[in-house]
N, C-alpha and C. Protein backbone atom coordinates (compact mmCIF):
# COMPACT_ATOMS: atom_id res chain seq x y z
N MET A 1 -36.45 1.38 15.19
CA MET A 1 -35.81 2.06 14.10
C MET A 1 -36.68 3.47 14.35
N ASP A 2 -36.25 4.65 14.87
CA ASP A 2 -36.93 5.92 14.44
C ASP A 2 -38.04 5.53 13.44
N LEU A 3 -38.64 6.61 13.73
CA LEU A 3 -40.16 6.59 13.03
C LEU A 3 -39.87 7.96 11.45
N ARG A 4 -38.73 8.59 11.95
CA ARG A 4 -38.50 10.07 11.57
C ARG A 4 -37.51 9.20 10.42
N ILE A 5 -36.39 7.91 10.30
CA ILE A 5 -35.69 7.40 10.23
C ILE A 5 -36.46 6.40 8.87
N GLN A 6 -37.73 5.73 9.40
CA GLN A 6 -38.37 5.13 8.88
C GLN A 6 -39.22 5.62 7.59
N ARG A 7 -39.66 6.72 7.73
CA ARG A 7 -39.88 7.51 6.56
C ARG A 7 -39.32 8.09 6.34
N THR A 8 -37.89 7.96 5.85
CA THR A 8 -36.64 8.96 5.01
C THR A 8 -36.64 7.43 4.11
N LYS A 9 -36.41 6.82 4.39
CA LYS A 9 -35.88 5.43 3.86
C LYS A 9 -36.58 5.28 3.56
N SER A 10 -37.70 4.74 3.51
CA SER A 10 -39.10 5.06 2.80
C SER A 10 -39.47 5.29 1.69
N ALA A 11 -38.96 7.09 2.02
CA ALA A 11 -39.38 7.65 0.18
C ALA A 11 -38.00 7.75 -0.61
N ILE A 12 -37.09 7.65 -0.14
CA ILE A 12 -35.50 7.19 -0.51
C ILE A 12 -36.10 5.14 -1.49
N LYS A 13 -36.46 4.57 -1.17
CA LYS A 13 -37.04 3.09 -1.71
C LYS A 13 -37.95 3.66 -2.53
N ASP A 14 -38.91 4.35 -2.61
CA ASP A 14 -40.22 5.08 -3.29
C ASP A 14 -39.35 5.37 -4.78
N SER A 15 -38.85 6.30 -4.17
CA SER A 15 -38.63 7.64 -5.03
C SER A 15 -37.12 6.69 -6.26
N PHE A 16 -36.55 5.90 -5.69
CA PHE A 16 -35.45 5.37 -6.10
C PHE A 16 -36.34 3.55 -7.58
N LEU A 17 -37.53 3.37 -6.63
CA LEU A 17 -38.16 2.28 -7.96
C LEU A 17 -38.72 3.00 -8.65
N GLU A 18 -39.33 4.03 -8.37
CA GLU A 18 -39.69 4.53 -9.20
C GLU A 18 -39.49 5.17 -10.32
N LEU A 19 -37.73 6.05 -9.77
CA LEU A 19 -37.12 6.20 -11.40
C LEU A 19 -36.21 4.91 -11.58
N ARG A 20 -36.38 3.92 -10.93
CA ARG A 20 -35.67 2.14 -11.94
C ARG A 20 -36.92 2.03 -13.03
N ARG A 21 -38.02 2.50 -12.67
CA ARG A 21 -39.27 1.90 -13.71
C ARG A 21 -38.77 2.73 -15.02
N LYS A 22 -38.89 3.47 -15.18
CA LYS A 22 -38.29 4.32 -16.10
C LYS A 22 -37.05 4.10 -16.97
N LYS A 23 -35.25 4.12 -16.17
CA LYS A 23 -34.84 4.63 -16.32
C LYS A 23 -33.51 3.00 -15.96
N PRO A 24 -32.41 2.92 -16.03
CA PRO A 24 -31.37 1.84 -15.78
C PRO A 24 -30.39 2.60 -14.55
N ILE A 25 -30.08 1.71 -13.60
CA ILE A 25 -29.76 2.09 -12.59
C ILE A 25 -28.34 3.25 -12.79
N GLU A 26 -27.28 3.14 -13.86
CA GLU A 26 -26.78 3.83 -13.93
C GLU A 26 -27.11 4.82 -14.80
N LYS A 27 -28.26 5.30 -15.21
CA LYS A 27 -28.22 6.92 -15.64
C LYS A 27 -28.80 7.27 -14.10
N ILE A 28 -29.39 6.52 -13.03
CA ILE A 28 -30.04 7.31 -12.28
C ILE A 28 -28.60 8.15 -10.76
N THR A 29 -28.62 9.55 -10.91
CA THR A 29 -28.11 10.31 -10.09
C THR A 29 -28.57 10.34 -8.43
N VAL A 30 -27.28 10.18 -7.54
CA VAL A 30 -28.03 10.51 -5.87
C VAL A 30 -28.91 11.79 -5.56
N THR A 31 -28.58 13.36 -6.98
CA THR A 31 -28.77 14.15 -6.93
C THR A 31 -30.64 14.06 -7.40
N GLU A 32 -30.90 13.76 -8.45
CA GLU A 32 -31.97 13.40 -8.75
C GLU A 32 -33.34 12.95 -8.08
N LEU A 33 -32.62 11.18 -7.61
CA LEU A 33 -33.13 10.97 -6.16
C LEU A 33 -33.60 11.82 -5.09
N THR A 34 -32.28 12.21 -4.73
CA THR A 34 -32.38 12.46 -3.44
C THR A 34 -34.13 13.55 -3.52
N LYS A 35 -33.47 14.48 -5.26
CA LYS A 35 -34.78 15.88 -5.36
C LYS A 35 -35.86 15.19 -5.15
N ALA A 36 -36.35 13.87 -5.78
CA ALA A 36 -37.49 12.89 -5.33
C ALA A 36 -37.98 12.36 -4.41
N ALA A 37 -36.64 12.03 -3.79
CA ALA A 37 -37.65 11.94 -2.09
C ALA A 37 -37.25 13.47 -1.65
N ASN A 38 -37.20 14.11 -1.73
CA ASN A 38 -37.23 15.48 -1.12
C ASN A 38 -36.93 15.53 0.36
N ILE A 39 -35.77 14.40 -0.05
CA ILE A 39 -34.53 15.06 1.06
C ILE A 39 -33.34 15.58 0.40
N ASN A 40 -31.95 15.34 1.61
CA ASN A 40 -30.79 16.39 1.04
C ASN A 40 -29.91 15.12 0.72
N LYS A 41 -28.73 15.49 -0.13
CA LYS A 41 -27.64 14.49 -0.20
C LYS A 41 -27.24 14.11 0.83
N ALA A 42 -26.46 14.97 1.81
CA ALA A 42 -26.73 14.60 3.33
C ALA A 42 -27.10 13.53 4.09
N THR A 43 -28.49 13.68 3.39
CA THR A 43 -29.70 12.57 4.55
C THR A 43 -28.90 11.02 3.60
N PHE A 44 -29.37 11.49 2.56
CA PHE A 44 -29.09 9.91 1.60
C PHE A 44 -28.42 9.27 2.14
N TYR A 45 -26.64 10.05 2.27
CA TYR A 45 -25.11 9.25 2.51
C TYR A 45 -25.18 9.11 3.69
N LEU A 46 -26.04 9.08 4.85
CA LEU A 46 -26.13 8.52 5.92
C LEU A 46 -26.85 7.63 6.16
N HIS A 47 -27.48 6.88 5.20
CA HIS A 47 -28.22 5.64 5.14
C HIS A 47 -27.54 4.83 4.15
N TYR A 48 -27.04 5.53 2.82
CA TYR A 48 -26.70 4.78 1.89
C TYR A 48 -25.28 5.10 1.34
N SER A 49 -24.17 4.36 0.98
CA SER A 49 -23.01 4.55 0.47
C SER A 49 -23.20 5.14 -1.02
N ASP A 50 -24.34 4.60 -1.53
CA ASP A 50 -24.03 5.26 -3.32
C ASP A 50 -25.21 3.87 -3.86
N ILE A 51 -26.09 4.44 -5.13
CA ILE A 51 -26.75 4.64 -5.27
C ILE A 51 -27.54 2.82 -5.29
N TYR A 52 -25.93 1.81 -5.32
CA TYR A 52 -25.50 0.05 -5.33
C TYR A 52 -26.30 0.00 -4.34
N ALA A 53 -25.51 -0.02 -3.57
CA ALA A 53 -25.78 -0.41 -1.21
C ALA A 53 -27.63 0.64 -1.55
N LEU A 54 -27.99 0.88 -2.30
CA LEU A 54 -29.34 1.73 -2.10
C LEU A 54 -29.75 -0.27 -2.60
N SER A 55 -29.98 0.22 -4.06
CA SER A 55 -30.35 -1.27 -4.71
C SER A 55 -30.11 -2.71 -4.32
N ASP A 56 -28.85 -3.24 -4.04
CA ASP A 56 -28.25 -4.15 -2.84
C ASP A 56 -29.88 -4.38 -1.60
N GLU A 57 -30.11 -3.57 -1.21
CA GLU A 57 -30.53 -3.72 0.57
C GLU A 57 -31.66 -3.89 -0.59
N ILE A 58 -32.35 -2.94 -1.45
CA ILE A 58 -33.96 -3.65 -2.25
C ILE A 58 -33.94 -4.82 -2.52
N GLU A 59 -32.68 -5.26 -3.37
CA GLU A 59 -32.95 -6.26 -3.19
C GLU A 59 -32.94 -7.74 -2.58
N ASN A 60 -31.71 -7.24 -1.53
CA ASN A 60 -31.95 -8.63 -1.12
C ASN A 60 -33.01 -8.57 0.05
N ALA A 61 -34.28 -7.28 -0.11
CA ALA A 61 -35.52 -7.53 0.39
C ALA A 61 -36.88 -8.40 -0.09
N ILE A 62 -35.82 -8.43 -1.84
CA ILE A 62 -37.25 -8.82 -2.01
C ILE A 62 -36.96 -10.41 -2.39
N ILE A 63 -35.88 -10.87 -2.11
CA ILE A 63 -35.29 -11.89 -1.71
C ILE A 63 -36.15 -12.54 -0.58
N ASP A 64 -35.43 -11.97 0.38
CA ASP A 64 -36.09 -12.41 2.26
C ASP A 64 -37.42 -12.60 1.48
N GLU A 65 -38.43 -11.84 1.14
CA GLU A 65 -39.49 -12.02 0.62
C GLU A 65 -39.88 -13.25 -0.12
N ILE A 66 -38.98 -13.94 -1.36
CA ILE A 66 -39.23 -14.65 -2.40
C ILE A 66 -39.04 -16.41 -1.60
N LEU A 67 -38.11 -16.16 0.40
CA LEU A 67 -37.76 -17.07 0.66
C LEU A 67 -38.48 -17.36 2.33
N ILE A 68 -39.56 -16.37 1.92
CA ILE A 68 -40.75 -16.58 3.11
C ILE A 68 -41.76 -17.20 2.59
N ASP A 69 -41.98 -17.12 0.93
CA ASP A 69 -43.12 -17.83 0.39
C ASP A 69 -42.61 -18.97 0.33
N LEU A 70 -41.50 -20.06 0.13
CA LEU A 70 -40.73 -21.12 0.47
C LEU A 70 -41.30 -21.52 1.80
N GLN A 71 -42.17 -22.03 1.42
CA GLN A 71 -43.15 -22.66 2.73
C GLN A 71 -42.15 -24.34 3.29
N VAL A 72 -41.68 -24.91 2.32
CA VAL A 72 -41.61 -25.79 2.59
C VAL A 72 -39.79 -26.16 2.02
N GLN A 73 -39.15 -25.49 3.12
CA GLN A 73 -37.34 -25.29 2.80
C GLN A 73 -36.97 -27.09 2.60
N ASP A 74 -37.40 -28.18 3.62
CA ASP A 74 -36.84 -28.76 3.77
C ASP A 74 -37.22 -30.58 2.33
N LYS A 75 -38.18 -29.51 2.00
CA LYS A 75 -38.98 -30.55 0.84
C LYS A 75 -37.97 -30.69 -0.19
N PHE A 76 -37.52 -29.75 -0.11
CA PHE A 76 -35.93 -29.70 -0.95
C PHE A 76 -35.60 -31.77 -1.71
N PHE A 77 -35.59 -32.25 -0.62
CA PHE A 77 -34.66 -33.20 -0.37
C PHE A 77 -36.08 -34.65 -0.23
N ASP A 78 -37.11 -34.39 0.36
CA ASP A 78 -37.99 -34.99 0.41
C ASP A 78 -39.27 -35.38 -0.87
N ALA A 79 -39.07 -34.04 -1.64
CA ALA A 79 -40.32 -33.44 -2.66
C ALA A 79 -39.87 -33.18 -3.21
N PRO A 80 -38.81 -33.10 -4.53
CA PRO A 80 -37.81 -32.06 -5.19
C PRO A 80 -38.95 -31.23 -6.44
N GLN A 81 -40.14 -31.86 -6.89
CA GLN A 81 -40.57 -31.01 -7.29
C GLN A 81 -42.15 -30.57 -6.83
N GLN A 82 -41.83 -31.00 -6.22
CA GLN A 82 -43.15 -30.03 -4.91
C GLN A 82 -42.16 -28.67 -4.77
N TYR A 83 -41.29 -29.02 -3.99
CA TYR A 83 -39.76 -27.39 -3.81
C TYR A 83 -40.21 -26.46 -5.16
N ALA A 84 -39.78 -27.51 -6.20
CA ALA A 84 -39.86 -27.17 -7.22
C ALA A 84 -40.82 -25.41 -7.46
N ASN A 85 -41.80 -26.48 -7.53
CA ASN A 85 -43.42 -25.69 -8.05
C ASN A 85 -43.27 -24.48 -6.25
N GLU A 86 -42.59 -24.55 -5.32
CA GLU A 86 -43.15 -23.36 -4.18
C GLU A 86 -42.22 -22.61 -4.91
N ILE A 87 -40.34 -22.78 -5.51
CA ILE A 87 -39.74 -21.46 -6.13
C ILE A 87 -40.31 -21.14 -7.13
N PHE A 88 -41.34 -21.41 -8.11
CA PHE A 88 -41.68 -21.11 -9.15
C PHE A 88 -42.49 -20.34 -8.59
N LYS A 89 -44.01 -21.11 -8.07
CA LYS A 89 -44.64 -19.53 -7.42
C LYS A 89 -44.65 -18.47 -6.38
N ALA A 90 -43.37 -18.12 -5.84
CA ALA A 90 -42.75 -17.29 -5.00
C ALA A 90 -42.26 -16.13 -6.24
N ILE A 91 -41.37 -16.90 -7.19
CA ILE A 91 -40.86 -15.93 -8.42
C ILE A 91 -41.61 -15.17 -9.10
N VAL A 92 -42.33 -15.68 -9.24
CA VAL A 92 -44.03 -15.68 -9.88
C VAL A 92 -44.60 -14.81 -9.53
N ALA A 93 -44.62 -14.80 -7.74
CA ALA A 93 -45.97 -13.87 -6.76
C ALA A 93 -45.01 -12.28 -6.95
N HIS A 94 -43.39 -12.53 -7.03
CA HIS A 94 -42.51 -11.31 -7.31
C HIS A 94 -42.34 -10.89 -8.21
N ARG A 95 -42.57 -11.06 -9.62
CA ARG A 95 -42.19 -11.56 -10.79
C ARG A 95 -42.20 -9.78 -11.25
N GLU A 96 -43.38 -8.55 -10.51
CA GLU A 96 -42.77 -7.01 -11.28
C GLU A 96 -41.95 -6.55 -10.29
N GLN A 97 -42.04 -6.77 -9.08
CA GLN A 97 -40.99 -6.38 -8.43
C GLN A 97 -39.19 -6.49 -9.12
N ILE A 98 -39.33 -8.20 -9.12
CA ILE A 98 -38.11 -8.19 -9.61
C ILE A 98 -37.64 -7.45 -11.05
N ASP A 99 -38.73 -7.59 -12.26
CA ASP A 99 -38.65 -7.32 -13.22
C ASP A 99 -38.31 -5.41 -13.27
N VAL A 100 -38.83 -4.58 -12.55
CA VAL A 100 -38.05 -3.57 -11.63
C VAL A 100 -36.68 -3.32 -11.22
N VAL A 101 -36.53 -3.87 -10.03
CA VAL A 101 -35.26 -4.62 -9.35
C VAL A 101 -33.93 -4.66 -10.00
N PHE A 102 -33.92 -5.63 -10.79
CA PHE A 102 -33.22 -6.31 -11.24
C PHE A 102 -33.06 -6.53 -13.07
N SER A 103 -33.49 -5.51 -13.33
CA SER A 103 -33.48 -4.64 -14.54
C SER A 103 -32.27 -4.54 -15.39
N GLY A 104 -31.68 -4.20 -16.79
CA GLY A 104 -30.79 -4.14 -16.69
C GLY A 104 -29.78 -4.69 -16.77
N SER A 105 -28.57 -3.92 -16.07
CA SER A 105 -27.10 -4.76 -15.67
C SER A 105 -27.80 -5.51 -14.55
N ARG A 106 -28.61 -5.19 -13.66
CA ARG A 106 -28.88 -5.56 -12.46
C ARG A 106 -29.48 -7.62 -12.90
N ASN A 107 -29.77 -7.52 -14.21
CA ASN A 107 -30.90 -9.09 -14.56
C ASN A 107 -30.66 -9.82 -14.56
N ALA A 108 -28.24 -9.68 -14.44
CA ALA A 108 -27.84 -11.12 -14.02
C ALA A 108 -27.48 -11.56 -12.59
N ILE A 109 -27.62 -10.73 -11.78
CA ILE A 109 -27.20 -11.37 -10.49
C ILE A 109 -28.97 -11.21 -9.61
N ALA A 110 -29.76 -11.43 -9.98
CA ALA A 110 -31.12 -12.50 -9.75
C ALA A 110 -30.93 -13.33 -8.99
N ALA A 111 -31.01 -13.87 -10.86
CA ALA A 111 -30.88 -15.64 -10.35
C ALA A 111 -29.70 -16.01 -9.19
N ASP A 112 -28.64 -15.07 -9.88
CA ASP A 112 -27.63 -15.82 -9.43
C ASP A 112 -27.69 -15.42 -7.21
N LYS A 113 -28.14 -14.66 -7.17
CA LYS A 113 -28.42 -14.01 -5.84
C LYS A 113 -29.49 -15.11 -5.10
N ILE A 114 -30.77 -15.78 -5.59
CA ILE A 114 -31.73 -15.87 -4.95
C ILE A 114 -31.16 -17.30 -4.90
N GLU A 115 -30.63 -17.80 -5.61
CA GLU A 115 -29.82 -19.21 -5.42
C GLU A 115 -28.39 -19.22 -4.82
N ALA A 116 -28.08 -18.40 -4.41
CA ALA A 116 -27.57 -18.21 -3.10
C ALA A 116 -27.62 -18.26 -1.72
N ARG A 117 -28.61 -17.38 -1.23
CA ARG A 117 -29.52 -17.34 -0.45
C ARG A 117 -30.71 -18.63 0.20
N ILE A 118 -31.30 -19.82 -1.23
CA ILE A 118 -31.10 -20.97 -0.44
C ILE A 118 -30.38 -22.15 -0.79
N LYS A 119 -29.37 -22.34 -1.53
CA LYS A 119 -28.36 -24.05 -1.46
C LYS A 119 -27.84 -22.88 1.11
N ASN A 120 -27.72 -21.53 0.67
CA ASN A 120 -26.94 -21.39 1.87
C ASN A 120 -27.77 -21.82 3.23
N MET A 121 -29.11 -21.47 3.04
CA MET A 121 -30.17 -21.78 3.86
C MET A 121 -30.24 -23.42 3.52
N LEU A 122 -30.87 -24.18 3.11
CA LEU A 122 -31.23 -25.41 2.61
C LEU A 122 -29.03 -25.98 3.03
N PHE A 123 -28.51 -25.72 2.55
CA PHE A 123 -27.18 -26.60 3.47
C PHE A 123 -26.82 -26.35 4.50
N GLY A 124 -27.05 -24.91 4.97
CA GLY A 124 -27.03 -24.56 6.63
C GLY A 124 -27.57 -25.23 7.10
N THR A 125 -28.58 -25.46 7.05
CA THR A 125 -29.49 -26.75 7.71
C THR A 125 -29.51 -27.88 7.66
N TYR A 126 -28.92 -28.48 6.23
CA TYR A 126 -28.95 -29.81 5.98
C TYR A 126 -27.89 -29.92 5.83
N PRO A 127 -26.35 -30.30 6.38
CA PRO A 127 -24.90 -30.04 5.78
C PRO A 127 -24.71 -31.38 5.18
N ASP A 128 -25.66 -32.73 5.74
CA ASP A 128 -24.94 -33.71 5.06
C ASP A 128 -25.64 -33.92 3.77
N PHE A 129 -26.53 -33.06 3.41
CA PHE A 129 -27.25 -33.08 2.01
C PHE A 129 -26.11 -31.25 1.06
N CYS A 130 -24.78 -31.39 1.66
CA CYS A 130 -24.17 -30.78 0.80
C CYS A 130 -23.32 -31.25 0.26
N ASN A 131 -23.80 -31.95 -1.46
CA ASN A 131 -22.64 -32.72 -2.11
C ASN A 131 -23.23 -31.67 -3.38
N LEU A 132 -21.70 -32.05 -4.99
CA LEU A 132 -22.08 -31.81 -6.02
C LEU A 132 -22.72 -32.10 -6.32
N HIS A 133 -23.32 -33.29 -6.16
CA HIS A 133 -24.71 -34.30 -6.65
C HIS A 133 -25.56 -32.80 -6.85
N ASN A 134 -26.52 -33.38 -5.33
CA ASN A 134 -27.27 -32.35 -4.93
C ASN A 134 -27.19 -30.45 -4.93
N ASP A 135 -25.94 -30.10 -5.11
CA ASP A 135 -26.43 -28.86 -6.08
C ASP A 135 -26.01 -28.26 -7.32
N VAL A 136 -25.52 -29.70 -8.12
CA VAL A 136 -25.69 -29.10 -9.07
C VAL A 136 -27.02 -29.29 -9.92
N ILE A 137 -28.43 -30.56 -9.12
CA ILE A 137 -29.72 -30.39 -9.48
C ILE A 137 -30.39 -28.92 -8.62
N LEU A 138 -29.50 -28.53 -7.87
CA LEU A 138 -30.63 -27.32 -7.60
C LEU A 138 -29.91 -26.31 -8.04
N SER A 139 -28.82 -26.12 -8.40
CA SER A 139 -28.63 -25.06 -9.47
C SER A 139 -29.24 -24.83 -10.40
N PHE A 140 -30.35 -25.87 -11.09
CA PHE A 140 -30.00 -26.10 -13.00
C PHE A 140 -31.81 -25.65 -12.14
N LEU A 141 -32.02 -26.41 -11.14
CA LEU A 141 -33.43 -26.27 -10.47
C LEU A 141 -33.73 -24.96 -10.59
N ILE A 142 -33.29 -24.26 -9.76
CA ILE A 142 -33.50 -22.41 -9.56
C ILE A 142 -33.25 -21.51 -10.43
N GLN A 143 -31.86 -21.96 -11.33
CA GLN A 143 -31.97 -21.46 -12.79
C GLN A 143 -32.55 -21.40 -14.08
N GLY A 144 -32.75 -22.80 -14.11
CA GLY A 144 -34.37 -23.17 -15.27
C GLY A 144 -35.68 -22.15 -15.07
N ILE A 145 -35.66 -22.62 -13.70
CA ILE A 145 -37.22 -21.69 -13.10
C ILE A 145 -36.89 -20.63 -12.96
N PHE A 146 -36.02 -19.59 -12.99
CA PHE A 146 -35.98 -18.30 -12.94
C PHE A 146 -36.00 -17.70 -14.08
N HIS A 147 -35.19 -18.05 -15.16
CA HIS A 147 -35.14 -17.56 -15.98
C HIS A 147 -36.37 -17.82 -17.28
N THR A 148 -37.32 -18.99 -16.78
CA THR A 148 -38.14 -19.38 -17.06
C THR A 148 -39.19 -18.27 -16.87
N VAL A 149 -39.43 -18.09 -15.73
CA VAL A 149 -39.92 -16.75 -15.99
C VAL A 149 -39.94 -15.46 -15.93
N LYS A 150 -38.62 -15.46 -16.32
CA LYS A 150 -38.27 -14.13 -16.46
C LYS A 150 -38.77 -13.70 -17.76
N THR A 151 -38.71 -14.53 -18.69
CA THR A 151 -38.62 -14.70 -19.87
C THR A 151 -39.58 -14.92 -20.75
N SER A 152 -40.70 -15.67 -19.68
CA SER A 152 -41.86 -16.80 -21.03
C SER A 152 -43.34 -15.52 -20.86
N ARG A 153 -44.45 -15.46 -21.14
CA ARG A 153 -45.05 -14.86 -21.07
C ARG A 153 -46.99 -15.45 -20.08
N MET A 154 -45.80 -15.73 -19.35
CA MET A 154 -46.93 -16.16 -18.52
C MET A 154 -48.52 -15.17 -18.34
N THR A 155 -48.98 -15.83 -17.61
CA THR A 155 -50.50 -15.21 -17.93
C THR A 155 -51.52 -16.63 -16.94
N GLY A 156 -52.97 -15.62 -16.19
CA GLY A 156 -53.86 -16.31 -15.55
C GLY A 156 -53.52 -17.29 -14.80
N ASP A 157 -53.85 -18.67 -14.70
CA ASP A 157 -53.71 -18.99 -13.18
C ASP A 157 -52.32 -19.73 -13.38
N MET A 158 -51.45 -20.18 -14.48
CA MET A 158 -50.31 -21.20 -15.06
C MET A 158 -49.94 -22.06 -14.67
N LYS A 159 -51.62 -22.94 -14.53
CA LYS A 159 -51.62 -24.36 -14.61
C LYS A 159 -51.67 -24.40 -15.72
N GLU A 160 -50.88 -24.70 -16.78
CA GLU A 160 -50.05 -25.21 -17.50
C GLU A 160 -48.55 -25.27 -17.50
N GLU A 161 -47.85 -24.08 -17.07
CA GLU A 161 -47.00 -24.22 -16.62
C GLU A 161 -46.38 -24.77 -15.55
N TYR A 162 -46.63 -25.11 -14.53
CA TYR A 162 -46.99 -25.54 -13.76
C TYR A 162 -46.64 -27.21 -13.94
N GLU A 163 -47.38 -27.79 -14.64
CA GLU A 163 -47.70 -28.90 -15.60
C GLU A 163 -46.30 -28.89 -16.18
N VAL A 164 -45.75 -27.98 -17.33
CA VAL A 164 -44.34 -28.24 -17.83
C VAL A 164 -43.06 -28.69 -17.21
N LEU A 165 -43.54 -27.75 -16.10
CA LEU A 165 -42.58 -27.32 -14.37
C LEU A 165 -42.38 -29.32 -14.28
N ALA A 166 -43.88 -29.70 -13.42
CA ALA A 166 -43.57 -30.73 -13.40
C ALA A 166 -43.22 -31.93 -13.56
N LYS A 167 -43.33 -31.70 -15.23
CA LYS A 167 -42.73 -32.70 -16.41
C LYS A 167 -40.98 -32.42 -16.76
N LEU A 168 -40.79 -31.74 -17.20
CA LEU A 168 -39.36 -31.55 -16.29
C LEU A 168 -38.74 -32.15 -15.20
N CYS A 169 -39.68 -30.98 -13.87
CA CYS A 169 -38.20 -31.80 -12.54
C CYS A 169 -38.55 -33.63 -12.94
N SER A 170 -39.58 -34.40 -13.27
CA SER A 170 -39.58 -35.06 -13.34
C SER A 170 -38.44 -35.98 -14.08
N MET A 171 -38.47 -35.30 -15.04
CA MET A 171 -37.16 -35.68 -15.96
C MET A 171 -36.04 -35.64 -15.43
N VAL A 172 -35.44 -34.53 -15.12
CA VAL A 172 -34.12 -34.24 -14.29
C VAL A 172 -34.24 -34.58 -12.97
N ILE A 173 -34.94 -34.79 -12.10
CA ILE A 173 -34.92 -35.97 -11.29
C ILE A 173 -35.31 -37.08 -10.66
N GLY A 174 -36.25 -37.12 -11.84
CA GLY A 174 -36.33 -38.34 -11.61
C GLY A 174 -35.48 -39.69 -11.75
N GLU A 175 -34.55 -40.49 -12.43
CA GLU A 175 -34.47 -40.86 -12.58
C GLU A 175 -32.81 -40.98 -11.40
N THR A 176 -33.01 -39.74 -10.87
CA THR A 176 -31.70 -39.69 -9.40
C THR A 176 -32.58 -39.48 -8.33
N THR A 177 -31.84 -40.05 -7.27
CA THR A 177 -32.17 -39.42 -6.11
C THR A 177 -31.31 -38.88 -5.43
N LEU A 178 -31.78 -37.66 -4.13
CA LEU A 178 -30.74 -36.58 -3.96
C LEU A 178 -30.07 -37.64 -2.97
N LEU A 179 -28.93 -37.03 -3.03
CA LEU A 179 -27.66 -37.69 -1.84
C LEU A 179 -27.19 -37.09 -0.77
N LYS A 180 -27.55 -38.15 0.09
CA LYS A 180 -27.76 -37.23 1.65
C LYS A 180 -26.52 -37.17 2.34
N THR A 181 -25.02 -38.10 1.80
CA THR A 181 -23.50 -37.80 2.28
C THR A 181 -23.57 -36.82 0.93
N LYS A 182 -21.93 -36.60 1.49
CA LYS A 182 -21.03 -36.11 0.50
C LYS A 182 -20.44 -36.91 -0.49
N ASN A 183 -20.24 -36.23 -1.24
CA ASN A 183 -19.28 -37.09 -2.73
C ASN A 183 -17.93 -37.49 -2.51
């Protein structure tokens, strides 16, 4: 990508994030954003159709970072507690970004986007595991972990939170097995 385009997009994204720290997405105008980024509107519209397209690109980049942090993709089937722990760590590592970009009206879509991407990745790679049973367990873990991280007052090394998560995963997964065939 052309260096000028990279700098322009970076200025747009940085300005957008700064504005998002202060106000909801619905209150941000293209005029305000372009002024903060020191570009004109035409330049903005050359790269994005609207503020929501920009937000979506940033949201997807954060989710990409979370997925990169999940080093043990196949562990969901072999060691689901370890996989849940990895999801927890990845979401915690990106909590500040999540809090900014997925705040306000965008709050509800964060967990759904993360869930959809993880499921696409896992079930695309391991189609024999794609069944209702595994789908429900994975949804429960991802949604529960995300909302726990989002709403808790975690501090420090979070050892206690990891222990609670491990116990919960044992309760949810411990009595059942992940099915290798379709229902």
